[in-house]
C-alpha atoms as a PDB file:
ATOM      1  CA  MET A   1     152.655  78.100 103.822  1.00  0.00           C
ATOM      2  CA  ALA A   2     152.023  81.412 102.202  1.00  0.00           C
ATOM      3  CA  HIS A   3     152.791  84.427 104.301  1.00  0.00           C
ATOM      4  CA  LEU A   4     152.677  88.205 104.299  1.00  0.00           C
ATOM      5  CA  ILE A   5     155.937  89.997 104.693  1.00  0.00           C
ATOM      6  CA  GLU A   6     154.952  93.371 106.348  1.00  0.00           C
ATOM      7  CA  GLY A   7     156.062  96.671 104.817  1.00  0.00           C
ATOM      8  CA  ASN A   8     155.882 100.037 106.301  1.00  0.00           C
ATOM      9  CA  VAL A   9     155.867 103.809 105.536  1.00  0.00           C
ATOM     10  CA  PHE A  10     158.082 106.534 106.728  1.00  0.00           C
ATOM     11  CA  ARG A  11     156.894 110.220 106.426  1.00  0.00           C
ATOM     12  CA  ASP A  12     158.769 113.438 107.072  1.00  0.00           C
ATOM     13  CA  GLN A  13     158.701 116.948 105.675  1.00  0.00           C
ATOM     14  CA  ARG A  14     159.993 115.676 102.264  1.00  0.00           C
ATOM     15  CA  GLY A  15     157.157 113.234 101.734  1.00  0.00           C
ATOM     16  CA  LEU A  16     156.683 109.438 102.006  1.00  0.00           C
ATOM     17  CA  LEU A  17     159.040 106.436 101.867  1.00  0.00           C
ATOM     18  CA  ASN A  18     157.434 103.080 101.446  1.00  0.00           C
ATOM     19  CA  TYR A  19     159.832 100.232 102.479  1.00  0.00           C
ATOM     20  CA  ASN A  20     160.022  96.558 103.222  1.00  0.00           C
ATOM     21  CA  ASN A  21     163.316  95.734 104.900  1.00  0.00           C
ATOM     22  CA  GLU A  22     162.294  92.070 105.530  1.00  0.00           C
ATOM     23  CA  PHE A  23     161.849  91.115 101.909  1.00  0.00           C
ATOM     24  CA  ASP A  24     164.916  89.111 100.694  1.00  0.00           C
ATOM     25  CA  LEU A  25     165.203  89.365  96.938  1.00  0.00           C
ATOM     26  CA  SER A  26     168.113  86.878  96.585  1.00  0.00           C
ATOM     27  CA  GLU A  27     165.916  84.152  94.900  1.00  0.00           C
ATOM     28  CA  ILE A  28     164.335  86.465  92.316  1.00  0.00           C
ATOM     29  CA  LYS A  29     165.167  85.780  88.620  1.00  0.00           C
ATOM     30  CA  ARG A  30     162.432  87.930  86.847  1.00  0.00           C
ATOM     31  CA  LEU A  31     159.597  90.324  87.447  1.00  0.00           C
ATOM     32  CA  TYR A  32     156.474  91.555  85.700  1.00  0.00           C
ATOM     33  CA  ILE A  33     153.509  93.880  86.388  1.00  0.00           C
ATOM     34  CA  ILE A  34     149.780  92.955  86.245  1.00  0.00           C
ATOM     35  CA  GLN A  35     147.287  95.613  85.418  1.00  0.00           C
ATOM     36  CA  ASN A  36     143.699  94.550  85.095  1.00  0.00           C
ATOM     37  CA  ASP A  37     141.436  96.627  82.706  1.00  0.00           C
ATOM     38  CA  ASN A  38     138.588  96.817  85.304  1.00  0.00           C
ATOM     39  CA  LYS A  39     137.620  95.675  88.812  1.00  0.00           C
ATOM     40  CA  ASN A  40     135.318  92.909  87.521  1.00  0.00           C
ATOM     41  CA  ILE A  41     138.220  90.859  86.045  1.00  0.00           C
ATOM     42  CA  ILE A  42     139.451  88.008  88.224  1.00  0.00           C
ATOM     43  CA  ARG A  43     142.687  86.272  86.926  1.00  0.00           C
ATOM     44  CA  GLY A  44     142.676  82.729  88.114  1.00  0.00           C
ATOM     45  CA  TRP A  45     143.102  80.081  88.942  1.00  0.00           C
ATOM     46  CA  GLN A  46     146.745  79.771  88.045  1.00  0.00           C
ATOM     47  CA  GLY A  47     149.684  78.449  89.963  1.00  0.00           C
ATOM     48  CA  HIS A  48     152.897  76.396  90.198  1.00  0.00           C
ATOM     49  CA  LYS A  49     154.008  73.122  91.649  1.00  0.00           C
ATOM     50  CA  ILE A  50     157.735  74.174  91.716  1.00  0.00           C
ATOM     51  CA  GLU A  51     157.970  77.921  91.216  1.00  0.00           C
ATOM     52  CA  GLN A  52     157.396  80.535  93.965  1.00  0.00           C
ATOM     53  CA  ARG A  53     155.860  83.998  93.473  1.00  0.00           C
ATOM     54  CA  TRP A  54     155.985  87.232  95.453  1.00  0.00           C
ATOM     55  CA  PHE A  55     153.241  89.792  94.979  1.00  0.00           C
ATOM     56  CA  THR A  56     153.225  93.491  96.027  1.00  0.00           C
ATOM     57  CA  SER A  57     150.806  96.281  94.980  1.00  0.00           C
ATOM     58  CA  ILE A  58     152.660  99.264  93.676  1.00  0.00           C
ATOM     59  CA  LEU A  59     149.428 101.211  92.819  1.00  0.00           C
ATOM     60  CA  GLY A  60     145.938 100.532  94.325  1.00  0.00           C
ATOM     61  CA  ILE A  61     144.508  97.581  96.181  1.00  0.00           C
ATOM     62  CA  PHE A  62     144.405  93.926  95.180  1.00  0.00           C
ATOM     63  CA  LYS A  63     142.655  90.859  96.532  1.00  0.00           C
ATOM     64  CA  ILE A  64     144.620  87.627  96.164  1.00  0.00           C
ATOM     65  CA  ASN A  65     143.047  84.290  96.924  1.00  0.00           C
ATOM     66  CA  LEU A  66     145.279  81.284  97.439  1.00  0.00           C
ATOM     67  CA  ILE A  67     144.573  77.593  97.370  1.00  0.00           C
ATOM     68  CA  GLU A  68     147.092  74.852  98.303  1.00  0.00           C
ATOM     69  CA  ILE A  69     146.618  72.166  95.700  1.00  0.00           C
ATOM     70  CA  ASP A  70     146.153  68.574  96.866  1.00  0.00           C
ATOM     71  CA  ASN A  71     146.411  66.802  93.371  1.00  0.00           C
ATOM     72  CA  TRP A  72     147.644  68.773  90.401  1.00  0.00           C
ATOM     73  CA  GLU A  73     145.986  66.452  87.782  1.00  0.00           C
ATOM     74  CA  LYS A  74     142.541  66.640  89.451  1.00  0.00           C
ATOM     75  CA  PRO A  75     142.428  68.877  92.522  1.00  0.00           C
ATOM     76  CA  SER A  76     139.498  68.524  95.003  1.00  0.00           C
ATOM     77  CA  GLN A  77     136.937  71.069  94.096  1.00  0.00           C
ATOM     78  CA  SER A  78     136.140  71.735  97.744  1.00  0.00           C
ATOM     79  CA  LEU A  79     139.522  73.145  98.613  1.00  0.00           C
ATOM     80  CA  VAL A  80     139.322  76.247 100.769  1.00  0.00           C
ATOM     81  CA  TYR A  81     141.094  79.491  99.720  1.00  0.00           C
ATOM     82  CA  LYS A  82     142.610  82.140 101.943  1.00  0.00           C
ATOM     83  CA  SER A  83     142.313  85.807 101.003  1.00  0.00           C
ATOM     84  CA  TYR A  84     144.917  88.457 101.240  1.00  0.00           C
ATOM     85  CA  ILE A  85     144.548  92.278 100.596  1.00  0.00           C
ATOM     86  CA  LEU A  86     147.568  94.118  99.209  1.00  0.00           C
ATOM     87  CA  ASP A  87     147.420  97.901  99.429  1.00  0.00           C
ATOM     88  CA  SER A  88     150.087 100.045  97.756  1.00  0.00           C
ATOM     89  CA  LYS A  89     149.997 102.468 100.760  1.00  0.00           C
ATOM     90  CA  LYS A  90     151.944  99.799 102.773  1.00  0.00           C
ATOM     91  CA  LEU A  91     154.611  97.890 100.795  1.00  0.00           C
ATOM     92  CA  CYS A  92     153.658  94.437 102.075  1.00  0.00           C
ATOM     93  CA  VAL A  93     154.867  91.444  99.975  1.00  0.00           C
ATOM     94  CA  LEU A  94     152.814  88.250  99.758  1.00  0.00           C
ATOM     95  CA  HIS A  95     155.030  85.146  99.477  1.00  0.00           C
ATOM     96  CA  VAL A  96     153.414  82.206  97.740  1.00  0.00           C
ATOM     97  CA  PRO A  97     155.575  79.052  97.969  1.00  0.00           C
ATOM     98  CA  PRO A  98     155.469  76.212  95.507  1.00  0.00           C
ATOM     99  CA  GLY A  99     152.135  74.235  95.589  1.00  0.00           C
ATOM    100  CA  PHE A 100     149.522  77.000  95.340  1.00  0.00           C
ATOM    101  CA  VAL A 101     147.125  78.482  92.769  1.00  0.00           C
ATOM    102  CA  SER A 102     145.989  82.093  92.980  1.00  0.00           C
ATOM    103  CA  SER A 103     143.235  84.347  91.844  1.00  0.00           C
ATOM    104  CA  ILE A 104     143.867  88.083  91.452  1.00  0.00           C
ATOM    105  CA  GLN A 105     141.401  90.917  91.428  1.00  0.00           C
ATOM    106  CA  SER A 106     141.969  94.699  91.406  1.00  0.00           C
ATOM    107  CA  LEU A 107     139.779  96.378  94.018  1.00  0.00           C
ATOM    108  CA  THR A 108     140.629  99.859  92.831  1.00  0.00           C
ATOM    109  CA  LYS A 109     141.386 101.562  89.494  1.00  0.00           C
ATOM    110  CA  PRO A 110     144.065 102.311  88.523  1.00  0.00           C
ATOM    111  CA  SER A 111     146.058  99.516  90.002  1.00  0.00           C
ATOM    112  CA  LYS A 112     149.414  97.713  89.373  1.00  0.00           C
ATOM    113  CA  LEU A 113     150.580  94.487  90.912  1.00  0.00           C
ATOM    114  CA  LEU A 114     154.354  93.811  90.891  1.00  0.00           C
ATOM    115  CA  VAL A 115     155.148  90.040  90.638  1.00  0.00           C
ATOM    116  CA  PHE A 116     158.477  88.355  91.321  1.00  0.00           C
ATOM    117  CA  ALA A 117     159.373  84.827  90.214  1.00  0.00           C
ATOM    118  CA  ASP A 118     162.270  82.496  91.097  1.00  0.00           C
ATOM    119  CA  TYR A 119     162.535  80.907  87.592  1.00  0.00           C
ATOM    120  CA  ARG A 120     163.231  82.573  84.232  1.00  0.00           C
ATOM    121  CA  LEU A 121     160.453  82.452  81.622  1.00  0.00           C
ATOM    122  CA  ASN A 122     160.356  79.006  80.043  1.00  0.00           C
ATOM    123  CA  GLU A 123     163.163  77.665  82.243  1.00  0.00           C
ATOM    124  CA  ILE A 124     160.794  74.994  83.530  1.00  0.00           C
ATOM    125  CA  ASN A 125     157.279  73.780  82.523  1.00  0.00           C
ATOM    126  CA  ASP A 126     155.340  74.454  85.644  1.00  0.00           C
ATOM    127  CA  ASN A 127     152.138  76.368  84.801  1.00  0.00           C
ATOM    128  CA  TYR A 128     148.831  74.959  85.965  1.00  0.00           C
ATOM    129  CA  ARG A 129     145.464  76.672  85.212  1.00  0.00           C
ATOM    130  CA  TYR A 130     141.949  75.911  86.332  1.00  0.00           C
ATOM    131  CA  ASP A 131     138.639  77.586  85.435  1.00  0.00           C
ATOM    132  CA  ILE A 132     137.716  80.411  87.721  1.00  0.00           C
ATOM    133  CA  ASN A 133     134.620  78.592  88.743  1.00  0.00           C
ATOM    134  CA  TYR A 134     136.415  75.153  89.346  1.00  0.00           C
ATOM    135  CA  PHE A 135     136.735  75.537  93.091  1.00  0.00           C
ATOM    136  CA  LYS A 136     133.342  75.752  94.982  1.00  0.00           C
END
């Protein structure tokens, strides 16, 4: 099941320190940053049967919807999604295990979403995409 790894903030006279001491990066093989051009863009639905992802906002606020897929060839259109809000003010990390698709939307501008993956690019063929309106 997907879960949120809570981050935190420390403040003293020097400024802020955002941290997440519970996030284990030992499985990470690559990273990339998503920046949507505007708040109306929703990236989705895209996911992986084998790969995992970890998402954290490093600037702004993002809404990430997740759906656990029941059949990768023809998923039920009535599957229910769960929403997560990631705010760069608190360095929370959303762990998405294999078996999920996501939709991603910036709620603020500017915004940057840092994404970690546990496989290198083209290491396996595990990318599934569905139209943004596929799930009711």
